[in-house]
Amino acid sequence: TAAPGAPAARQPGLGERTGAAVDRAADSTGQALERAADSTGNALGRAMRWTGEQMQGAGEWTARQGERITGQPAQPAQPAQPAQPAQPSR
């Protein structure tokens, strides 16, 4: 306790308490957003990997069907040519 006549200990004002609460909420929100972004990125990566595997499987199945129908071995696909930049029109 303070001695008689000594100034009372300063209490934080409403603005300071509100600011501290906002800081804590922003920190919690930022951490939650980081976790959500990590989870979303991981889920997206898994979905893309699964889709790629399905596409590869579909391509292999299609090649086998073509071989069965034509009696010819499947030819590997040729790599796509890179797109040419558009020429500005005059």
Protein backbone atom coordinates (compact mmCIF):
# COMPACT_ATOMS: atom_id res chain seq x y z
CA THR A 1 0.00 0.00 0.00
CA ALA A 2 1.10 3.56 -0.66
CA ALA A 3 2.01 5.89 2.16
CA PRO A 4 -0.67 8.39 3.15
CA GLY A 5 -0.49 11.41 0.86
CA ALA A 6 1.54 9.56 -1.81
CA PRO A 7 0.13 9.60 -5.33
CA ALA A 8 -1.93 6.53 -6.19
CA ALA A 9 -0.48 4.07 -8.70
CA ARG A 10 -1.53 4.98 -12.23
CA GLN A 11 -4.17 2.70 -13.72
CA PRO A 12 -4.24 2.14 -17.49
CA GLY A 13 -6.94 4.15 -19.18
CA LEU A 14 -9.72 2.80 -21.37
CA GLY A 15 -7.75 3.59 -24.54
CA GLU A 16 -4.72 1.65 -23.32
CA ARG A 17 -6.83 -1.34 -22.28
CA THR A 18 -8.69 -1.27 -25.59
CA GLY A 19 -5.44 -1.00 -27.53
CA ALA A 20 -3.95 -3.95 -25.66
CA ALA A 21 -7.09 -6.02 -26.30
CA VAL A 22 -7.02 -5.14 -30.00
CA ASP A 23 -3.32 -6.10 -30.18
CA ARG A 24 -4.05 -9.50 -28.60
CA ALA A 25 -7.01 -10.09 -30.92
CA ALA A 26 -4.97 -9.12 -33.99
CA ASP A 27 -2.17 -11.45 -32.93
CA SER A 28 -4.60 -14.34 -32.40
CA THR A 29 -6.30 -13.62 -35.72
CA GLY A 30 -2.96 -13.49 -37.52
CA GLN A 31 -1.92 -16.83 -36.06
CA ALA A 32 -5.27 -18.39 -36.99
CA LEU A 33 -4.95 -17.06 -40.54
CA GLU A 34 -1.43 -18.49 -40.83
CA ARG A 35 -2.65 -21.92 -39.70
CA ALA A 36 -5.59 -21.76 -42.12
CA ALA A 37 -3.30 -20.78 -44.99
CA ASP A 38 -0.95 -23.67 -44.19
CA SER A 39 -3.86 -26.11 -44.06
CA THR A 40 -5.31 -24.76 -47.30
CA GLY A 41 -1.95 -24.99 -49.04
CA ASN A 42 -1.47 -28.56 -47.86
CA ALA A 43 -4.98 -29.56 -48.95
CA LEU A 44 -4.53 -27.88 -52.32
CA GLY A 45 -1.22 -29.68 -52.84
CA ARG A 46 -2.82 -33.04 -52.03
CA ALA A 47 -5.74 -32.33 -54.37
CA MET A 48 -3.42 -31.34 -57.22
CA ARG A 49 -1.25 -34.42 -56.71
CA TRP A 50 -4.36 -36.66 -56.70
CA THR A 51 -5.68 -34.95 -59.84
CA GLY A 52 -2.34 -35.46 -61.58
CA GLU A 53 -2.35 -39.14 -60.67
CA GLN A 54 -5.90 -39.50 -62.01
CA MET A 55 -4.96 -37.75 -65.25
CA GLN A 56 -1.90 -39.97 -65.67
CA GLY A 57 -4.04 -43.05 -65.07
CA ALA A 58 -6.62 -41.84 -67.58
CA GLY A 59 -3.90 -41.22 -70.15
CA GLU A 60 -2.45 -44.68 -69.66
CA TRP A 61 -5.93 -46.23 -69.94
CA THR A 62 -6.59 -44.26 -73.14
CA ALA A 63 -3.27 -45.41 -74.61
CA ARG A 64 -4.10 -49.05 -73.83
CA GLN A 65 -7.51 -48.68 -75.47
CA GLY A 66 -5.91 -47.15 -78.55
CA GLU A 67 -3.42 -50.01 -78.76
CA ARG A 68 -6.22 -52.54 -78.37
CA ILE A 69 -8.36 -50.91 -81.05
CA THR A 70 -5.64 -50.19 -83.62
CA GLY A 71 -3.23 -53.01 -82.85
CA GLN A 72 -0.47 -50.37 -82.93
CA PRO A 73 1.73 -49.44 -79.99
CA ALA A 74 0.90 -46.07 -78.49
CA GLN A 75 3.15 -43.20 -79.46
CA PRO A 76 4.35 -40.98 -76.66
CA ALA A 77 2.86 -37.51 -76.74
CA GLN A 78 5.04 -34.79 -78.14
CA PRO A 79 5.83 -31.98 -75.75
CA ALA A 80 3.80 -28.86 -76.41
CA GLN A 81 5.55 -25.96 -78.05
CA PRO A 82 5.80 -22.86 -75.91
CA ALA A 83 3.28 -20.18 -76.75
CA GLN A 84 4.57 -17.31 -78.85
CA PRO A 85 4.08 -13.84 -77.46
CA ALA A 86 1.25 -11.93 -79.08
CA GLN A 87 2.25 -9.36 -81.68
CA PRO A 88 0.71 -5.95 -81.14
CA SER A 89 -1.80 -5.04 -83.84
CA ARG A 90 -1.19 -1.87 -85.81
